[in-house]
Amino acid sequence: MVDCLKIGKIENYIFIESTTSTSSSSSSSSSTSSSSTMTTLTPAVWRATATLNTARYQHTVTLLSNGAVLIAGGSNGSVPLDGAELYDPSTDSWTITGSMNSARFGHTATLLTNGKVLVTGGYGSVGILYSTELYDPSTGIWKTTGDMDSDRDYHTASLLPNGKIFVVGGYSFLGIFGNAELYDPSMGTWKIVVRFYTNLFNHTATVLPDGTVLIVGGYSTKILSSATLYDPSTSTLTTKANMNTARSNHTATLLSNGNVLVVGGKSISTFLNTAELYNPSTDTWTMISNMSTARSRHSASFLLNGTVLVAGGQNNGSSCVDSAELYNPITGIWTMIPRMNTARAYHTASVLLDGRVLVAGGLNIGTNNALNTVEFY
């Protein structure tokens, strides 16, 4: 009989491991038993699942404390959206939840320590927004909270160890913006904490294990190779070593060893397939092997097995890709995996509690159509 069935994922394979035990009697008073384990490997694939109620791109995705997935805002190609919907992994279904008070795309969404979701800024029906609002999963209702000091879109928002939210950069009605501010959930207020060296947007911000925030790349008057560290304990900025390649619209992923993997993006008119690693302990950048496909506005997901899944993105001015690849930090090697069912950029990807990756929405750049399709890896 099969006593144990274990299912998991190794690299680009799904493994199914079964342990079978048998017993036999040699006499009326004694018996013997044995067990055997069989492992079956099958290629990991993408599987289409329930579609969004509303096609959208440049939306946000948040994995809630209960394992559900919240998608909010975005654009349908014509107007910004105020709608939000929830994905329930147990029923494989999307449900419309409360609408935001302001339609927006190019915003941020951050899960707070109290389980609520803070949405900031973005571009709305009246232009770039100062406004922020909170979603309460227990009621499905959005409530406005304090306005930021600056209007901004294409900025970043990072949850700090003390529970506050650090927002930096973005594009403003007055131009590219460099002020950074902190949101205090206990007070519902914002406070400017530091003036950034360079105005920037389309950058990345990564919270490191020591609680500092690494801000990398982006666009100012030119595409940037710069890296800056924000220390919340002293509210100060420190210039760090530059990347080897200037880039914006890239991704940055914190690895298990504390290093940061920066992938793809765009440099001037070139879409990039390059990747590099930042080591915070030595303040050094190291170029690693290239991806098979150049891509910008893609997704990068840190998987439970320590690898990084990069999917989709834009690879020239008029098209996007359905290709996906895995980076193994131990070997330093990229591996192509089966293609997604749909080519997409400006999409979202979230790692569910069971380890699956949910990719939702996005834009088909070739047809300029917003997507409602969703798939699992």
Protein backbone atom coordinates (compact mmCIF):
# COMPACT_ATOMS: atom_id res chain seq x y z
CA MET A 1 0.00 0.00 0.00
CA VAL A 2 1.06 3.62 -0.52
CA ASP A 3 1.78 5.11 2.91
CA CYS A 4 3.12 8.50 1.86
CA LEU A 5 2.76 10.71 -1.22
CA LYS A 6 4.95 13.80 -1.50
CA ILE A 7 4.64 16.37 -4.26
CA GLY A 8 7.06 19.21 -4.84
CA LYS A 9 9.17 21.08 -7.36
CA ILE A 10 12.86 20.72 -8.17
CA GLU A 11 14.34 23.08 -10.76
CA ASN A 12 12.05 22.83 -13.79
CA TYR A 13 10.49 19.50 -12.81
CA ILE A 14 7.61 18.42 -10.63
CA PHE A 15 8.52 15.45 -8.47
CA ILE A 16 6.03 12.92 -7.12
CA GLU A 17 7.57 10.71 -4.44
CA SER A 18 5.64 7.71 -3.14
CA THR A 19 6.66 5.37 -0.33
CA THR A 20 5.12 1.90 -0.37
CA SER A 21 5.29 -0.60 2.47
CA THR A 22 4.61 -4.32 2.29
CA SER A 23 4.36 -6.99 4.97
CA SER A 24 4.42 -10.76 4.92
CA SER A 25 4.04 -13.46 7.55
CA SER A 26 6.66 -16.16 8.01
CA SER A 27 4.81 -17.90 10.83
CA SER A 28 1.85 -17.39 13.09
CA SER A 29 4.00 -15.45 15.54
CA SER A 30 6.32 -13.39 13.33
CA SER A 31 6.19 -11.14 10.27
CA THR A 32 8.54 -9.13 8.12
CA SER A 33 8.02 -5.79 6.41
CA SER A 34 9.79 -3.73 3.76
CA SER A 35 9.34 -0.39 2.08
CA SER A 36 10.40 1.15 -1.21
CA THR A 37 10.41 4.72 -2.50
CA MET A 38 9.77 5.68 -6.11
CA THR A 39 10.34 9.19 -7.44
CA THR A 40 8.81 10.33 -10.72
CA LEU A 41 9.97 13.53 -12.44
CA THR A 42 7.75 15.30 -14.95
CA PRO A 43 8.41 18.68 -16.62
CA ALA A 44 6.85 21.66 -14.83
CA VAL A 45 4.29 23.36 -17.07
CA TRP A 46 2.05 26.41 -17.14
CA ARG A 47 -1.64 25.79 -16.54
CA ALA A 48 -4.39 28.25 -17.43
CA THR A 49 -6.82 28.98 -14.62
CA ALA A 50 -9.89 31.15 -14.01
CA THR A 51 -9.75 34.51 -15.78
CA LEU A 52 -9.94 37.93 -14.18
CA ASN A 53 -13.33 39.63 -14.20
CA THR A 54 -11.66 42.70 -15.73
CA ALA A 55 -8.76 42.75 -18.19
CA ARG A 56 -5.98 44.96 -16.80
CA TYR A 57 -2.29 45.82 -16.76
CA GLN A 58 -0.05 47.99 -14.57
CA HIS A 59 -2.15 46.78 -11.64
CA THR A 60 -0.83 45.58 -8.28
CA VAL A 61 -0.94 42.17 -6.64
CA THR A 62 -0.76 41.37 -2.92
CA LEU A 63 -0.68 37.99 -1.21
CA LEU A 64 -2.91 38.38 1.85
CA SER A 65 -2.33 36.80 5.24
CA ASN A 66 -5.09 34.24 4.62
CA GLY A 67 -3.49 33.05 1.35
CA ALA A 68 -5.90 34.87 -0.96
CA VAL A 69 -4.58 37.18 -3.69
CA LEU A 70 -5.72 40.80 -4.06
CA ILE A 71 -5.44 42.53 -7.44
CA ALA A 72 -6.21 46.26 -7.54
CA GLY A 73 -6.47 48.99 -10.13
CA GLY A 74 -4.51 49.12 -13.35
CA SER A 75 -5.55 50.21 -16.81
CA ASN A 76 -7.77 48.55 -19.39
CA GLY A 77 -5.99 50.39 -22.18
CA SER A 78 -8.39 53.31 -22.17
CA VAL A 79 -8.90 54.48 -18.58
CA PRO A 80 -7.47 53.83 -15.10
CA LEU A 81 -9.45 51.32 -13.04
CA ASP A 82 -10.76 51.50 -9.48
CA GLY A 83 -11.91 47.87 -9.36
CA ALA A 84 -10.33 45.13 -7.25
CA GLU A 85 -10.76 41.37 -7.14
CA LEU A 86 -9.74 38.45 -4.95
CA TYR A 87 -8.41 35.06 -5.99
CA ASP A 88 -9.20 32.09 -3.73
CA PRO A 89 -6.71 29.26 -4.37
CA SER A 90 -8.99 26.73 -2.65
CA THR A 91 -11.84 27.29 -5.14
CA ASP A 92 -9.77 28.50 -8.12
CA SER A 93 -12.04 31.51 -8.54
CA TRP A 94 -11.95 35.32 -8.74
CA THR A 95 -14.46 37.42 -6.78
CA ILE A 96 -15.03 41.14 -7.19
CA THR A 97 -14.40 42.97 -3.92
CA GLY A 98 -14.83 46.61 -2.92
CA SER A 99 -13.65 49.29 -5.35
CA MET A 100 -10.94 51.77 -4.46
CA ASN A 101 -11.93 55.37 -3.84
CA SER A 102 -9.68 56.49 -6.71
CA ALA A 103 -8.97 54.75 -10.00
CA ARG A 104 -5.21 54.37 -10.54
CA PHE A 105 -2.38 52.58 -12.34
CA GLY A 106 1.37 52.78 -11.80
CA HIS A 107 0.68 52.71 -8.04
CA THR A 108 2.04 50.49 -5.27
CA ALA A 109 0.34 48.04 -2.89
CA THR A 110 1.98 46.86 0.34
CA LEU A 111 0.77 44.35 2.93
CA LEU A 112 1.00 45.91 6.41
CA THR A 113 1.76 44.01 9.59
CA ASN A 114 -1.89 44.38 10.66
CA GLY A 115 -3.06 42.50 7.56
CA LYS A 116 -4.41 45.55 5.71
CA VAL A 117 -3.10 46.67 2.29
CA LEU A 118 -1.79 50.19 1.68
CA VAL A 119 -2.13 51.55 -1.87
CA THR A 120 -0.18 54.71 -2.74
CA GLY A 121 -0.15 57.18 -5.61
CA GLY A 122 -0.37 56.21 -9.24
CA TYR A 123 -1.99 57.86 -12.23
CA GLY A 124 -5.72 58.49 -12.00
CA SER A 125 -8.51 60.23 -13.85
CA VAL A 126 -7.30 63.61 -12.56
CA GLY A 127 -3.59 62.99 -13.19
CA ILE A 128 -0.82 61.86 -10.86
CA LEU A 129 -2.13 61.18 -7.34
CA TYR A 130 -1.17 62.19 -3.80
CA SER A 131 -3.86 59.96 -2.34
CA THR A 132 -3.44 56.69 -0.47
CA GLU A 133 -5.98 54.19 0.81
CA LEU A 134 -6.26 51.06 2.92
CA TYR A 135 -7.98 47.78 2.08
CA ASP A 136 -9.36 45.73 4.96
CA PRO A 137 -9.65 42.04 3.96
CA SER A 138 -12.07 41.37 6.83
CA THR A 139 -14.66 43.80 5.40
CA GLY A 140 -13.65 44.12 1.74
CA ILE A 141 -13.79 47.90 2.09
CA TRP A 142 -11.29 50.58 1.06
CA LYS A 143 -10.83 53.66 3.24
CA THR A 144 -8.76 56.73 2.46
CA THR A 145 -5.83 57.51 4.70
CA GLY A 146 -3.36 60.42 4.81
CA ASP A 147 -2.19 61.97 1.53
CA MET A 148 1.49 61.77 0.66
CA ASP A 149 3.46 65.02 0.63
CA SER A 150 4.14 64.49 -3.09
CA ASP A 151 2.10 63.19 -5.98
CA ARG A 152 3.92 60.28 -7.65
CA ASP A 153 3.61 57.25 -9.89
CA TYR A 154 6.11 54.53 -10.88
CA HIS A 155 7.65 54.86 -7.42
CA THR A 156 8.47 52.14 -4.88
CA ALA A 157 7.03 51.35 -1.45
CA SER A 158 8.86 49.10 1.04
CA LEU A 159 7.71 47.61 4.33
CA LEU A 160 10.38 48.27 6.97
CA PRO A 161 11.04 46.04 10.01
CA ASN A 162 9.38 48.65 12.26
CA GLY A 163 6.12 48.34 10.30
CA LYS A 164 6.38 51.72 8.55
CA ILE A 165 6.33 52.14 4.75
CA PHE A 166 9.23 53.80 2.94
CA VAL A 167 8.26 55.44 -0.37
CA VAL A 168 10.86 56.88 -2.72
CA GLY A 169 11.01 58.35 -6.22
CA GLY A 170 8.35 58.42 -8.87
CA TYR A 171 7.14 60.77 -11.55
CA SER A 172 5.33 63.89 -10.35
CA PHE A 173 3.28 66.66 -11.93
CA LEU A 174 6.40 68.77 -11.34
CA GLY A 175 8.67 66.21 -13.01
CA ILE A 176 10.76 63.31 -11.76
CA PHE A 177 10.77 63.26 -7.99
CA GLY A 178 13.42 62.45 -5.37
CA ASN A 179 11.82 63.06 -1.97
CA ALA A 180 11.37 59.99 0.23
CA GLU A 181 8.68 59.76 2.87
CA LEU A 182 7.50 57.39 5.58
CA TYR A 183 3.96 56.24 6.35
CA ASP A 184 3.12 55.45 9.96
CA PRO A 185 0.17 53.00 10.05
CA SER A 186 -0.52 53.74 13.71
CA MET A 187 -1.06 57.43 12.93
CA GLY A 188 -2.19 57.30 9.30
CA THR A 189 0.26 60.08 8.46
CA TRP A 190 3.21 60.72 6.12
CA LYS A 191 6.51 62.43 6.89
CA ILE A 192 9.35 63.42 4.55
CA VAL A 193 12.48 61.69 5.83
CA VAL A 194 15.21 62.34 3.30
CA ARG A 195 15.95 64.09 0.03
CA PHE A 196 17.29 61.60 -2.50
CA TYR A 197 20.50 62.38 -4.36
CA THR A 198 18.87 61.87 -7.75
CA ASN A 199 15.30 62.20 -8.92
CA LEU A 200 14.26 58.81 -10.29
CA PHE A 201 11.45 56.49 -11.27
CA ASN A 202 11.11 52.96 -12.70
CA HIS A 203 13.80 51.88 -10.21
CA THR A 204 13.74 49.03 -7.68
CA ALA A 205 13.90 49.04 -3.88
CA THR A 206 14.86 45.91 -1.94
CA VAL A 207 14.73 45.51 1.84
CA LEU A 208 17.91 43.72 2.93
CA PRO A 209 18.15 41.32 5.90
CA ASP A 210 19.56 44.07 8.15
CA GLY A 211 16.52 46.29 7.48
CA THR A 212 18.23 48.76 5.14
CA VAL A 213 16.78 49.45 1.68
CA LEU A 214 18.79 49.12 -1.54
CA ILE A 215 17.58 51.48 -4.31
CA VAL A 216 18.91 50.55 -7.73
CA GLY A 217 18.80 51.95 -11.27
CA GLY A 218 15.81 53.66 -12.82
CA TYR A 219 15.46 56.76 -14.95
CA SER A 220 16.28 60.39 -14.22
CA THR A 221 17.63 62.63 -16.97
CA LYS A 222 19.18 59.40 -18.21
CA ILE A 223 19.01 55.71 -17.37
CA LEU A 224 20.90 55.07 -14.14
CA SER A 225 23.48 52.55 -12.96
CA SER A 226 23.50 53.97 -9.43
CA ALA A 227 22.82 52.15 -6.16
CA THR A 228 21.93 53.86 -2.88
CA LEU A 229 21.32 52.46 0.60
CA TYR A 230 18.72 53.93 2.97
CA ASP A 231 19.21 53.24 6.68
CA PRO A 232 15.94 53.65 8.63
CA SER A 233 17.75 53.71 11.97
CA THR A 234 19.59 56.92 11.08
CA SER A 235 17.37 58.16 8.23
CA THR A 236 20.44 58.57 6.02
CA LEU A 237 21.46 57.68 2.47
CA THR A 238 24.78 56.12 1.45
CA THR A 239 26.04 55.93 -2.11
CA LYS A 240 27.02 52.38 -3.07
CA ALA A 241 28.96 50.89 -5.97
CA ASN A 242 27.36 51.36 -9.39
CA MET A 243 25.94 48.45 -11.34
CA ASN A 244 27.92 47.30 -14.35
CA THR A 245 24.99 48.21 -16.62
CA ALA A 246 22.61 51.16 -16.40
CA ARG A 247 19.01 49.93 -16.48
CA SER A 248 15.39 50.79 -15.73
CA ASN A 249 12.22 48.69 -15.66
CA HIS A 250 14.31 45.80 -14.35
CA THR A 251 13.63 43.48 -11.40
CA ALA A 252 15.56 43.00 -8.15
CA THR A 253 15.16 39.85 -6.06
CA LEU A 254 16.58 39.12 -2.60
CA LEU A 255 18.19 35.66 -2.53
CA SER A 256 18.53 33.24 0.40
CA ASN A 257 22.19 34.18 0.92
CA GLY A 258 21.38 37.90 1.24
CA ASN A 259 22.62 38.86 -2.21
CA VAL A 260 20.38 40.75 -4.65
CA LEU A 261 19.75 39.50 -8.20
CA VAL A 262 19.09 42.29 -10.73
CA VAL A 263 17.72 41.13 -14.07
CA GLY A 264 16.94 42.60 -17.48
CA GLY A 265 15.38 46.00 -18.03
CA LYS A 266 16.14 48.62 -20.63
CA SER A 267 19.26 50.68 -21.23
CA ILE A 268 18.72 53.65 -23.55
CA SER A 269 17.20 51.91 -26.61
CA THR A 270 18.39 48.39 -25.81
CA PHE A 271 16.38 45.69 -24.06
CA LEU A 272 18.70 43.73 -21.79
CA ASN A 273 19.29 40.02 -21.22
CA THR A 274 22.06 40.72 -18.72
CA ALA A 275 21.93 40.00 -15.00
CA GLU A 276 24.17 40.88 -12.06
CA LEU A 277 24.48 40.10 -8.37
CA TYR A 278 24.99 42.62 -5.57
CA ASN A 279 26.82 41.48 -2.43
CA PRO A 280 25.93 43.88 0.43
CA SER A 281 28.81 42.68 2.64
CA THR A 282 31.45 43.64 0.04
CA ASP A 283 29.52 46.37 -1.83
CA THR A 284 30.33 44.72 -5.16
CA TRP A 285 28.40 43.90 -8.33
CA THR A 286 29.24 40.77 -10.31
CA MET A 287 28.00 40.05 -13.81
CA ILE A 288 26.56 36.55 -14.15
CA SER A 289 25.47 34.51 -17.16
CA ASN A 290 22.94 36.13 -19.46
CA MET A 291 19.32 35.12 -19.80
CA SER A 292 18.33 33.51 -23.07
CA THR A 293 15.86 36.33 -23.78
CA ALA A 294 16.18 40.08 -23.37
CA ARG A 295 13.24 41.46 -21.43
CA SER A 296 11.87 44.52 -19.63
CA ARG A 297 8.67 44.98 -17.60
CA HIS A 298 8.80 41.28 -16.77
CA SER A 299 8.22 39.51 -13.46
CA ALA A 300 10.73 37.81 -11.15
CA SER A 301 9.58 35.47 -8.38
CA PHE A 302 11.65 33.94 -5.58
CA LEU A 303 10.50 30.31 -5.34
CA LEU A 304 10.36 28.16 -2.24
CA ASN A 305 13.30 26.05 -3.48
CA GLY A 306 15.54 29.14 -3.68
CA THR A 307 15.49 29.56 -7.45
CA VAL A 308 14.17 32.65 -9.27
CA LEU A 309 11.49 32.44 -11.96
CA VAL A 310 11.61 35.18 -14.61
CA ALA A 311 8.61 35.33 -16.95
CA GLY A 312 7.28 37.38 -19.85
CA GLY A 313 8.16 40.99 -20.53
CA GLN A 314 8.79 43.30 -23.45
CA ASN A 315 11.78 42.54 -25.69
CA ASN A 316 11.47 45.23 -28.35
CA GLY A 317 9.35 48.26 -29.04
CA SER A 318 6.40 46.36 -30.47
CA SER A 319 6.14 42.92 -28.91
CA CYS A 320 6.26 40.93 -25.68
CA VAL A 321 7.34 37.38 -24.95
CA ASP A 322 5.85 34.21 -23.49
CA SER A 323 9.22 32.72 -22.55
CA ALA A 324 10.27 31.94 -18.98
CA GLU A 325 13.51 30.86 -17.36
CA LEU A 326 14.85 29.81 -13.95
CA TYR A 327 17.98 31.07 -12.24
CA ASN A 328 19.75 28.71 -9.86
CA PRO A 329 21.88 30.71 -7.36
CA ILE A 330 23.94 27.63 -6.47
CA THR A 331 25.05 26.83 -10.02
CA GLY A 332 24.69 30.35 -11.43
CA ILE A 333 22.92 28.90 -14.46
CA TRP A 334 19.76 30.00 -16.27
CA THR A 335 17.47 27.23 -17.56
CA MET A 336 14.72 27.74 -20.11
CA ILE A 337 11.41 26.20 -19.03
CA PRO A 338 8.15 25.68 -20.96
CA ARG A 339 6.60 28.86 -22.32
CA MET A 340 3.60 30.55 -20.78
CA ASN A 341 0.27 30.10 -22.53
CA THR A 342 0.12 33.85 -23.23
CA ALA A 343 2.79 36.42 -24.09
CA ARG A 344 2.52 39.35 -21.70
CA ALA A 345 4.26 42.36 -20.14
CA TYR A 346 3.17 44.75 -17.35
CA HIS A 347 1.66 41.69 -15.59
CA THR A 348 1.95 40.55 -11.97
CA ALA A 349 3.29 37.34 -10.45
CA SER A 350 2.76 36.14 -6.90
CA VAL A 351 4.06 33.06 -5.08
CA LEU A 352 1.19 31.34 -3.28
CA LEU A 353 1.51 29.63 0.09
CA ASP A 354 1.68 26.23 -1.64
CA GLY A 355 4.60 27.37 -3.81
CA ARG A 356 2.74 27.83 -7.09
CA VAL A 357 3.26 31.06 -9.03
CA LEU A 358 0.13 32.92 -10.15
CA VAL A 359 0.65 35.17 -13.19
CA ALA A 360 -2.24 37.53 -13.92
CA GLY A 361 -3.24 40.07 -16.53
CA GLY A 362 -0.80 42.26 -18.39
CA LEU A 363 -0.58 43.81 -21.83
CA ASN A 364 -0.17 42.21 -25.23
CA ILE A 365 2.07 44.91 -26.66
CA GLY A 366 1.68 43.69 -30.25
CA THR A 367 -2.10 44.16 -30.21
CA ASN A 368 -2.19 46.77 -27.41
CA ASN A 369 -4.87 44.72 -25.66
CA ALA A 370 -5.18 44.40 -21.90
CA LEU A 371 -5.36 40.77 -20.78
CA ASN A 372 -7.70 38.96 -18.39
CA THR A 373 -5.93 35.62 -18.67
CA VAL A 374 -4.32 33.98 -15.65
CA GLU A 375 -1.97 31.00 -15.38
CA PHE A 376 -0.04 28.95 -12.84
CA TYR A 377 3.51 27.68 -12.86
